PDB file of N, CA and C in Angstrom:
ATOM      1  N   MET A   1     -56.604 141.310 -31.787  1.00  0.00           N
ATOM      2  CA  MET A   1     -55.028 141.873 -32.309  1.00  0.00           C
ATOM      3  C   MET A   1     -54.991 142.054 -33.861  1.00  0.00           C
ATOM      4  N   CYS A   2     -55.264 142.855 -34.269  1.00  0.00           N
ATOM      5  CA  CYS A   2     -55.314 142.885 -36.003  1.00  0.00           C
ATOM      6  C   CYS A   2     -54.275 141.977 -36.619  1.00  0.00           C
ATOM      7  N   PRO A   3     -54.885 141.426 -37.699  1.00  0.00           N
ATOM      8  CA  PRO A   3     -54.251 140.190 -38.174  1.00  0.00           C
ATOM      9  C   PRO A   3     -52.251 141.158 -38.649  1.00  0.00           C
ATOM     10  N   ILE A   4     -52.250 142.357 -39.322  1.00  0.00           N
ATOM     11  CA  ILE A   4     -51.606 142.477 -39.832  1.00  0.00           C
ATOM     12  C   ILE A   4     -50.319 142.702 -38.569  1.00  0.00           C
ATOM     13  N   PHE A   5     -50.678 142.999 -37.261  1.00  0.00           N
ATOM     14  CA  PHE A   5     -49.556 143.271 -36.244  1.00  0.00           C
ATOM     15  C   PHE A   5     -49.068 142.280 -35.756  1.00  0.00           C
ATOM     16  N   LEU A   6     -49.716 140.747 -35.744  1.00  0.00           N
ATOM     17  CA  LEU A   6     -48.635 139.883 -36.193  1.00  0.00           C
ATOM     18  C   LEU A   6     -47.910 139.591 -37.223  1.00  0.00           C
ATOM     19  N   ILE A   7     -48.222 139.981 -38.126  1.00  0.00           N
ATOM     20  CA  ILE A   7     -47.324 139.280 -39.717  1.00  0.00           C
ATOM     21  C   ILE A   7     -45.989 140.421 -39.314  1.00  0.00           C
ATOM     22  N   ILE A   8     -46.188 141.424 -38.838  1.00  0.00           N
ATOM     23  CA  ILE A   8     -45.150 142.614 -38.671  1.00  0.00           C
ATOM     24  C   ILE A   8     -44.280 142.250 -37.523  1.00  0.00           C
ATOM     25  N   GLU A   9     -44.423 141.627 -36.371  1.00  0.00           N
ATOM     26  CA  GLU A   9     -44.188 140.993 -35.098  1.00  0.00           C
ATOM     27  C   GLU A   9     -42.907 139.893 -35.730  1.00  0.00           C
ATOM     28  N   VAL A  10     -43.810 138.968 -36.446  1.00  0.00           N
ATOM     29  CA  VAL A  10     -42.537 137.963 -36.709  1.00  0.00           C
ATOM     30  C   VAL A  10     -41.955 139.042 -37.967  1.00  0.00           C
ATOM     31  N   ALA A  11     -42.249 139.659 -39.274  1.00  0.00           N
ATOM     32  CA  ALA A  11     -41.024 140.523 -40.080  1.00  0.00           C
ATOM     33  C   ALA A  11     -39.744 140.820 -39.129  1.00  0.00           C
ATOM     34  N   ILE A  12     -40.427 141.460 -38.183  1.00  0.00           N
ATOM     35  CA  ILE A  12     -39.185 142.388 -36.954  1.00  0.00           C
ATOM     36  C   ILE A  12     -38.308 141.332 -36.680  1.00  0.00           C
ATOM     37  N   ALA A  13     -39.826 140.195 -36.588  1.00  0.00           N
ATOM     38  CA  ALA A  13     -38.308 139.395 -35.571  1.00  0.00           C
ATOM     39  C   ALA A  13     -37.272 138.858 -36.199  1.00  0.00           C
ATOM     40  N   CYS A  14     -37.575 138.305 -37.571  1.00  0.00           N
ATOM     41  CA  CYS A  14     -37.045 138.041 -38.690  1.00  0.00           C
ATOM     42  C   CYS A  14     -35.982 138.803 -39.076  1.00  0.00           C
ATOM     43  N   ALA A  15     -35.864 140.326 -38.707  1.00  0.00           N
ATOM     44  CA  ALA A  15     -34.899 140.831 -39.207  1.00  0.00           C
ATOM     45  C   ALA A  15     -33.842 140.815 -37.702  1.00  0.00           C
ATOM     46  N   TYR A  16     -34.620 140.465 -37.001  1.00  0.00           N
ATOM     47  CA  TYR A  16     -33.124 140.699 -35.171  1.00  0.00           C
ATOM     48  C   TYR A  16     -32.410 139.604 -35.742  1.00  0.00           C
ATOM     49  N   ILE A  17     -33.203 137.732 -36.161  1.00  0.00           N
ATOM     50  CA  ILE A  17     -32.509 136.843 -36.035  1.00  0.00           C
ATOM     51  C   ILE A  17     -31.613 136.891 -37.105  1.00  0.00           C
ATOM     52  N   MET A  18     -32.032 137.491 -38.135  1.00  0.00           N
ATOM     53  CA  MET A  18     -31.217 137.527 -39.493  1.00  0.00           C
ATOM     54  C   MET A  18     -29.707 138.398 -39.179  1.00  0.00           C
ATOM     55  N   LEU A  19     -29.624 139.187 -38.296  1.00  0.00           N
ATOM     56  CA  LEU A  19     -28.368 140.200 -38.633  1.00  0.00           C
ATOM     57  C   LEU A  19     -27.020 139.502 -37.600  1.00  0.00           C
ATOM     58  N   ASP A  20     -25.698 139.215 -38.341  1.00  0.00           N
ATOM     59  CA  ASP A  20     -24.365 138.668 -37.836  1.00  0.00           C
ATOM     60  C   ASP A  20     -24.386 137.253 -37.820  1.00  0.00           C
ATOM     61  N   LYS A  21     -25.670 136.743 -38.915  1.00  0.00           N
ATOM     62  CA  LYS A  21     -25.426 135.008 -39.091  1.00  0.00           C
ATOM     63  C   LYS A  21     -25.118 134.450 -40.188  1.00  0.00           C
ATOM     64  N   GLN A  22     -24.222 133.369 -40.593  1.00  0.00           N
ATOM     65  CA  GLN A  22     -23.509 132.712 -41.278  1.00  0.00           C
ATOM     66  C   GLN A  22     -24.614 132.459 -42.564  1.00  0.00           C
ATOM     67  N   ASP A  23     -25.835 131.812 -42.389  1.00  0.00           N
ATOM     68  CA  ASP A  23     -26.660 131.699 -42.994  1.00  0.00           C
ATOM     69  C   ASP A  23     -28.249 132.565 -42.655  1.00  0.00           C
ATOM     70  N   PRO A  24     -28.464 134.079 -43.382  1.00  0.00           N
ATOM     71  CA  PRO A  24     -29.096 134.850 -42.535  1.00  0.00           C
ATOM     72  C   PRO A  24     -30.936 133.983 -42.735  1.00  0.00           C
ATOM     73  N   ILE A  25     -31.114 133.224 -44.245  1.00  0.00           N
ATOM     74  CA  ILE A  25     -32.250 132.921 -45.249  1.00  0.00           C
ATOM     75  C   ILE A  25     -33.168 132.027 -43.916  1.00  0.00           C
ATOM     76  N   ASP A  26     -31.604 130.567 -43.819  1.00  0.00           N
ATOM     77  CA  ASP A  26     -31.863 129.514 -42.908  1.00  0.00           C
ATOM     78  C   ASP A  26     -32.657 130.217 -41.596  1.00  0.00           C
ATOM     79  N   SER A  27     -32.099 130.600 -41.002  1.00  0.00           N
ATOM     80  CA  SER A  27     -32.300 131.012 -39.763  1.00  0.00           C
ATOM     81  C   SER A  27     -33.784 132.209 -39.578  1.00  0.00           C
ATOM     82  N   ALA A  28     -34.027 133.283 -40.149  1.00  0.00           N
ATOM     83  CA  ALA A  28     -35.606 133.356 -40.710  1.00  0.00           C
ATOM     84  C   ALA A  28     -36.457 132.153 -40.842  1.00  0.00           C
ATOM     85  N   THR A  29     -35.707 131.312 -41.965  1.00  0.00           N
ATOM     86  CA  THR A  29     -36.981 130.284 -42.263  1.00  0.00           C
ATOM     87  C   THR A  29     -37.095 129.600 -41.482  1.00  0.00           C
ATOM     88  N   ASN A  30     -36.149 129.112 -40.299  1.00  0.00           N
ATOM     89  CA  ASN A  30     -36.493 128.065 -39.285  1.00  0.00           C
ATOM     90  C   ASN A  30     -37.445 129.493 -38.217  1.00  0.00           C
ATOM     91  N   LEU A  31     -37.208 130.222 -38.462  1.00  0.00           N
ATOM     92  CA  LEU A  31     -38.452 131.425 -37.083  1.00  0.00           C
ATOM     93  C   LEU A  31     -39.771 130.960 -37.679  1.00  0.00           C
ATOM     94  N   ILE A  32     -39.483 130.954 -39.027  1.00  0.00           N
ATOM     95  CA  ILE A  32     -40.968 131.233 -39.653  1.00  0.00           C
ATOM     96  C   ILE A  32     -42.015 130.205 -39.746  1.00  0.00           C
ATOM     97  N   ARG A  33     -41.022 129.053 -39.976  1.00  0.00           N
ATOM     98  CA  ARG A  33     -41.712 127.837 -39.973  1.00  0.00           C
ATOM     99  C   ARG A  33     -41.921 127.077 -38.058  1.00  0.00           C
ATOM    100  N   GLY A  34     -41.204 127.710 -37.336  1.00  0.00           N
ATOM    101  CA  GLY A  34     -41.822 127.508 -36.265  1.00  0.00           C
ATOM    102  C   GLY A  34     -42.715 128.059 -35.536  1.00  0.00           C
ATOM    103  N   TYR A  35     -42.720 129.337 -35.687  1.00  0.00           N
ATOM    104  CA  TYR A  35     -44.263 130.302 -36.112  1.00  0.00           C
ATOM    105  C   TYR A  35     -45.709 129.527 -36.222  1.00  0.00           C
ATOM    106  N   ASN A  36     -45.375 129.245 -37.761  1.00  0.00           N
ATOM    107  CA  ASN A  36     -46.699 128.612 -38.158  1.00  0.00           C
ATOM    108  C   ASN A  36     -47.159 127.333 -37.699  1.00  0.00           C
ATOM    109  N   GLN A  37     -45.531 126.428 -37.137  1.00  0.00           N
ATOM    110  CA  GLN A  37     -46.286 125.131 -36.612  1.00  0.00           C
ATOM    111  C   GLN A  37     -47.555 125.703 -35.268  1.00  0.00           C
ATOM    112  N   LEU A  38     -47.178 127.100 -34.622  1.00  0.00           N
ATOM    113  CA  LEU A  38     -47.913 127.243 -33.485  1.00  0.00           C
ATOM    114  C   LEU A  38     -48.919 128.330 -34.034  1.00  0.00           C
ATOM    115  N   ASN A  39     -49.138 129.256 -35.264  1.00  0.00           N
ATOM    116  CA  ASN A  39     -50.024 130.279 -35.284  1.00  0.00           C
ATOM    117  C   ASN A  39     -50.140 129.901 -36.819  1.00  0.00           C
ATOM    118  N   LYS A  40     -51.139 129.448 -37.071  1.00  0.00           N
ATOM    119  CA  LYS A  40     -50.691 128.758 -38.681  1.00  0.00           C
ATOM    120  C   LYS A  40     -51.087 130.165 -39.162  1.00  0.00           C
ATOM    121  N   PHE A  41     -50.229 130.647 -40.955  1.00  0.00           N
ATOM    122  CA  PHE A  41     -50.546 132.266 -41.219  1.00  0.00           C
ATOM    123  C   PHE A  41     -52.019 131.897 -42.045  1.00  0.00           C
ATOM    124  N   GLU A  42     -52.622 130.337 -42.278  1.00  0.00           N
ATOM    125  CA  GLU A  42     -53.465 130.662 -42.984  1.00  0.00           C
ATOM    126  C   GLU A  42     -55.180 130.790 -42.553  1.00  0.00           C
ATOM    127  N   ASP A  43     -54.448 130.793 -40.922  1.00  0.00           N
ATOM    128  CA  ASP A  43     -55.740 131.614 -39.918  1.00  0.00           C
ATOM    129  C   ASP A  43     -55.950 132.962 -39.745  1.00  0.00           C
ATOM    130  N   ILE A  44     -54.766 133.931 -40.304  1.00  0.00           N
ATOM    131  CA  ILE A  44     -54.625 134.874 -40.090  1.00  0.00           C
ATOM    132  C   ILE A  44     -55.317 135.412 -41.340  1.00  0.00           C
TER     133      ILE A  44
END
């Protein structure tokens, strides 16, 4: 898969997870940290 699609998918997931949250930045940060534990962004 093209690396840009992986980044876009994470960005879209962040957008959805941030909806209606008290602290949207914290929610997005947790998602990104979790994703990065499984699939390192440096590998992309």
